[in-house]
Amino acid sequence: MKLFQAMDVNASALGAQRLRLDVIASNIANANTTRTPEGGPYRRKVPVFAEDLQRASGGLRFNGVRVMAITEDQSPFRPVYDPSHPDANAEGYVYYPNVNMVNEMVNLMEAGRAYEANVTAFNAAKELYKAALSIGK
């Protein structure tokens, strides 16, 4: 086992949660974007995480978290009747992104708490290493 493996795992989790926060911020910022360069409304983005496992003698070793992909949520867009909007269709409906602000705020709080928990675990590991080094004095 690597000496600083706990810190490496926490560092990978911190990076994953930071990416999650960035994706959530992008979703919130584009909650009313009805036209994108790809065409159509903005689609909500969702990060996909996986365990980073490595084969080691005696089994598998957990190395942390890695980002597999950032996918687009395929749930339907939200239709709003607004015939004066430049992106309205022939029936007068504008399709808004599939971003639910309540869900995004809950995800934002959850990601923030997970980030804080990983900072706490990182600091605890750091204190343990400091205590172990002071034993030899």
C-alpha atoms as a PDB file:
ATOM      1  CA  MET A   1       0.000   0.000   0.000  1.00  0.00           C
ATOM      2  CA  LYS A   2       1.248   3.441  -0.877  1.00  0.00           C
ATOM      3  CA  LEU A   3       1.991   5.724   2.050  1.00  0.00           C
ATOM      4  CA  PHE A   4      -0.101   8.632   0.820  1.00  0.00           C
ATOM      5  CA  GLN A   5      -2.868   6.584  -0.821  1.00  0.00           C
ATOM      6  CA  ALA A   6      -5.558   8.113   1.406  1.00  0.00           C
ATOM      7  CA  MET A   7      -4.555  11.595   0.279  1.00  0.00           C
ATOM      8  CA  ASP A   8      -4.521  10.493  -3.369  1.00  0.00           C
ATOM      9  CA  VAL A   9      -8.048   9.082  -3.046  1.00  0.00           C
ATOM     10  CA  ASN A  10      -9.283  12.292  -1.415  1.00  0.00           C
ATOM     11  CA  ALA A  11      -7.574  14.405  -4.070  1.00  0.00           C
ATOM     12  CA  SER A  12      -9.308  12.465  -6.847  1.00  0.00           C
ATOM     13  CA  ALA A  13     -12.661  12.867  -5.083  1.00  0.00           C
ATOM     14  CA  LEU A  14     -12.041  16.609  -4.683  1.00  0.00           C
ATOM     15  CA  GLY A  15     -11.359  16.902  -8.397  1.00  0.00           C
ATOM     16  CA  ALA A  16     -14.504  14.934  -9.235  1.00  0.00           C
ATOM     17  CA  GLN A  17     -16.692  17.072  -6.980  1.00  0.00           C
ATOM     18  CA  ARG A  18     -15.196  20.261  -8.394  1.00  0.00           C
ATOM     19  CA  LEU A  19     -16.049  19.069 -11.901  1.00  0.00           C
ATOM     20  CA  ARG A  20     -19.560  18.234 -10.690  1.00  0.00           C
ATOM     21  CA  LEU A  21     -19.898  21.774  -9.290  1.00  0.00           C
ATOM     22  CA  ASP A  22     -18.734  23.214 -12.631  1.00  0.00           C
ATOM     23  CA  VAL A  23     -21.292  21.132 -14.552  1.00  0.00           C
ATOM     24  CA  ILE A  24     -24.088  22.180 -12.184  1.00  0.00           C
ATOM     25  CA  ALA A  25     -23.070  25.833 -12.566  1.00  0.00           C
ATOM     26  CA  SER A  26     -23.208  25.422 -16.348  1.00  0.00           C
ATOM     27  CA  ASN A  27     -26.695  23.907 -16.078  1.00  0.00           C
ATOM     28  CA  ILE A  28     -27.917  26.795 -13.928  1.00  0.00           C
ATOM     29  CA  ALA A  29     -26.333  29.398 -16.212  1.00  0.00           C
ATOM     30  CA  ASN A  30     -28.051  27.879 -19.262  1.00  0.00           C
ATOM     31  CA  ALA A  31     -31.454  27.230 -17.678  1.00  0.00           C
ATOM     32  CA  ASN A  32     -33.128  29.667 -20.120  1.00  0.00           C
ATOM     33  CA  THR A  33     -30.986  29.091 -23.215  1.00  0.00           C
ATOM     34  CA  THR A  34     -33.379  28.267 -26.026  1.00  0.00           C
ATOM     35  CA  ARG A  35     -30.839  28.290 -28.848  1.00  0.00           C
ATOM     36  CA  THR A  36     -27.432  26.603 -28.879  1.00  0.00           C
ATOM     37  CA  PRO A  37     -24.796  26.306 -31.618  1.00  0.00           C
ATOM     38  CA  GLU A  38     -25.853  22.654 -32.061  1.00  0.00           C
ATOM     39  CA  GLY A  39     -29.451  23.786 -32.567  1.00  0.00           C
ATOM     40  CA  GLY A  40     -32.355  23.635 -30.157  1.00  0.00           C
ATOM     41  CA  PRO A  41     -32.410  24.291 -26.425  1.00  0.00           C
ATOM     42  CA  TYR A  42     -29.580  23.566 -24.013  1.00  0.00           C
ATOM     43  CA  ARG A  43     -29.572  19.993 -22.700  1.00  0.00           C
ATOM     44  CA  ARG A  44     -28.783  19.451 -19.025  1.00  0.00           C
ATOM     45  CA  LYS A  45     -25.338  17.900 -18.490  1.00  0.00           C
ATOM     46  CA  VAL A  46     -24.628  15.118 -15.973  1.00  0.00           C
ATOM     47  CA  PRO A  47     -21.156  13.863 -14.975  1.00  0.00           C
ATOM     48  CA  VAL A  48     -20.661  10.097 -14.726  1.00  0.00           C
ATOM     49  CA  PHE A  49     -18.121   8.857 -12.178  1.00  0.00           C
ATOM     50  CA  ALA A  50     -16.549   5.433 -11.660  1.00  0.00           C
ATOM     51  CA  GLU A  51     -14.142   3.800  -9.269  1.00  0.00           C
ATOM     52  CA  ASP A  52     -10.512   3.889 -10.314  1.00  0.00           C
ATOM     53  CA  LEU A  53      -9.413   0.344  -9.561  1.00  0.00           C
ATOM     54  CA  GLN A  54      -5.977  -1.153 -10.122  1.00  0.00           C
ATOM     55  CA  ARG A  55      -4.983  -4.790 -10.024  1.00  0.00           C
ATOM     56  CA  ALA A  56      -2.569  -5.447  -7.202  1.00  0.00           C
ATOM     57  CA  SER A  57      -1.212  -8.515  -5.493  1.00  0.00           C
ATOM     58  CA  GLY A  58      -4.044  -9.996  -3.482  1.00  0.00           C
ATOM     59  CA  GLY A  59      -6.879  -8.333  -5.386  1.00  0.00           C
ATOM     60  CA  LEU A  60      -7.946  -4.883  -6.447  1.00  0.00           C
ATOM     61  CA  ARG A  61      -6.807  -1.577  -5.013  1.00  0.00           C
ATOM     62  CA  PHE A  62      -9.046   1.481  -4.945  1.00  0.00           C
ATOM     63  CA  ASN A  63      -7.211   4.521  -6.299  1.00  0.00           C
ATOM     64  CA  GLY A  64     -10.064   7.000  -6.124  1.00  0.00           C
ATOM     65  CA  VAL A  65     -12.653   8.384  -8.500  1.00  0.00           C
ATOM     66  CA  ARG A  66     -12.423   9.098 -12.201  1.00  0.00           C
ATOM     67  CA  VAL A  67     -14.740  10.856 -14.594  1.00  0.00           C
ATOM     68  CA  MET A  68     -16.096   8.455 -17.200  1.00  0.00           C
ATOM     69  CA  ALA A  69     -18.039  11.026 -19.226  1.00  0.00           C
ATOM     70  CA  ILE A  70     -20.229  14.083 -19.147  1.00  0.00           C
ATOM     71  CA  THR A  71     -23.534  12.989 -20.648  1.00  0.00           C
ATOM     72  CA  GLU A  72     -26.618  14.894 -21.718  1.00  0.00           C
ATOM     73  CA  ASP A  73     -29.898  14.320 -19.908  1.00  0.00           C
ATOM     74  CA  GLN A  74     -32.401  13.013 -22.464  1.00  0.00           C
ATOM     75  CA  SER A  75     -35.517  14.047 -20.538  1.00  0.00           C
ATOM     76  CA  PRO A  76     -37.977  16.166 -22.566  1.00  0.00           C
ATOM     77  CA  PHE A  77     -37.705  19.922 -22.907  1.00  0.00           C
ATOM     78  CA  ARG A  78     -40.186  22.201 -21.151  1.00  0.00           C
ATOM     79  CA  PRO A  79     -42.702  23.748 -23.587  1.00  0.00           C
ATOM     80  CA  VAL A  80     -43.895  27.296 -22.833  1.00  0.00           C
ATOM     81  CA  TYR A  81     -46.520  29.116 -24.893  1.00  0.00           C
ATOM     82  CA  ASP A  82     -44.955  32.397 -26.051  1.00  0.00           C
ATOM     83  CA  PRO A  83     -45.741  33.185 -29.691  1.00  0.00           C
ATOM     84  CA  SER A  84     -43.744  36.457 -29.548  1.00  0.00           C
ATOM     85  CA  HIS A  85     -40.473  34.655 -28.731  1.00  0.00           C
ATOM     86  CA  PRO A  86     -38.059  34.435 -31.695  1.00  0.00           C
ATOM     87  CA  ASP A  87     -37.599  30.683 -31.106  1.00  0.00           C
ATOM     88  CA  ALA A  88     -41.317  29.874 -30.998  1.00  0.00           C
ATOM     89  CA  ASN A  89     -42.520  27.136 -33.311  1.00  0.00           C
ATOM     90  CA  ALA A  90     -45.581  27.351 -35.616  1.00  0.00           C
ATOM     91  CA  GLU A  91     -47.941  26.610 -32.694  1.00  0.00           C
ATOM     92  CA  GLY A  92     -46.384  29.391 -30.594  1.00  0.00           C
ATOM     93  CA  TYR A  93     -44.462  27.139 -28.196  1.00  0.00           C
ATOM     94  CA  VAL A  94     -40.884  27.741 -27.122  1.00  0.00           C
ATOM     95  CA  TYR A  95     -38.953  24.756 -25.797  1.00  0.00           C
ATOM     96  CA  TYR A  96     -36.825  25.563 -22.762  1.00  0.00           C
ATOM     97  CA  PRO A  97     -33.975  23.422 -21.400  1.00  0.00           C
ATOM     98  CA  ASN A  98     -34.675  20.355 -19.295  1.00  0.00           C
ATOM     99  CA  VAL A  99     -33.000  22.036 -16.307  1.00  0.00           C
ATOM    100  CA  ASN A 100     -35.003  21.924 -13.068  1.00  0.00           C
ATOM    101  CA  MET A 101     -33.633  24.659 -10.785  1.00  0.00           C
ATOM    102  CA  VAL A 102     -34.771  22.925  -7.583  1.00  0.00           C
ATOM    103  CA  ASN A 103     -32.937  19.728  -8.543  1.00  0.00           C
ATOM    104  CA  GLU A 104     -29.859  21.689  -9.554  1.00  0.00           C
ATOM    105  CA  MET A 105     -29.779  23.545  -6.228  1.00  0.00           C
ATOM    106  CA  VAL A 106     -30.109  20.252  -4.311  1.00  0.00           C
ATOM    107  CA  ASN A 107     -27.302  18.758  -6.408  1.00  0.00           C
ATOM    108  CA  LEU A 108     -25.222  21.880  -5.780  1.00  0.00           C
ATOM    109  CA  MET A 109     -25.642  21.577  -2.012  1.00  0.00           C
ATOM    110  CA  GLU A 110     -24.889  17.846  -2.129  1.00  0.00           C
ATOM    111  CA  ALA A 111     -21.729  18.368  -4.183  1.00  0.00           C
ATOM    112  CA  GLY A 112     -20.625  21.152  -1.835  1.00  0.00           C
ATOM    113  CA  ARG A 113     -21.104  18.910   1.200  1.00  0.00           C
ATOM    114  CA  ALA A 114     -19.226  16.050  -0.481  1.00  0.00           C
ATOM    115  CA  TYR A 115     -16.389  18.463  -1.278  1.00  0.00           C
ATOM    116  CA  GLU A 116     -16.282  19.612   2.355  1.00  0.00           C
ATOM    117  CA  ALA A 117     -16.283  15.992   3.584  1.00  0.00           C
ATOM    118  CA  ASN A 118     -13.324  15.170   1.347  1.00  0.00           C
ATOM    119  CA  VAL A 119     -11.419  18.231   2.565  1.00  0.00           C
ATOM    120  CA  THR A 120     -12.050  17.076   6.151  1.00  0.00           C
ATOM    121  CA  ALA A 121     -10.849  13.543   5.360  1.00  0.00           C
ATOM    122  CA  PHE A 122      -7.780  14.944   3.576  1.00  0.00           C
ATOM    123  CA  ASN A 123      -6.924  17.097   6.598  1.00  0.00           C
ATOM    124  CA  ALA A 124      -7.442  14.133   8.957  1.00  0.00           C
ATOM    125  CA  ALA A 125      -5.009  12.029   6.907  1.00  0.00           C
ATOM    126  CA  LYS A 126      -2.523  14.904   6.954  1.00  0.00           C
ATOM    127  CA  GLU A 127      -2.759  15.130  10.743  1.00  0.00           C
ATOM    128  CA  LEU A 128      -2.244  11.370  11.065  1.00  0.00           C
ATOM    129  CA  TYR A 129       0.886  11.552   8.928  1.00  0.00           C
ATOM    130  CA  LYS A 130       2.176  14.474  11.008  1.00  0.00           C
ATOM    131  CA  ALA A 131       1.548  12.520  14.223  1.00  0.00           C
ATOM    132  CA  ALA A 132       3.323   9.468  12.797  1.00  0.00           C
ATOM    133  CA  LEU A 133       6.350  11.606  11.886  1.00  0.00           C
ATOM    134  CA  SER A 134       6.483  13.133  15.355  1.00  0.00           C
ATOM    135  CA  ILE A 135       6.754   9.683  16.961  1.00  0.00           C
ATOM    136  CA  GLY A 136      10.360   9.411  15.812  1.00  0.00           C
ATOM    137  CA  LYS A 137      11.395  12.659  17.557  1.00  0.00           C
END
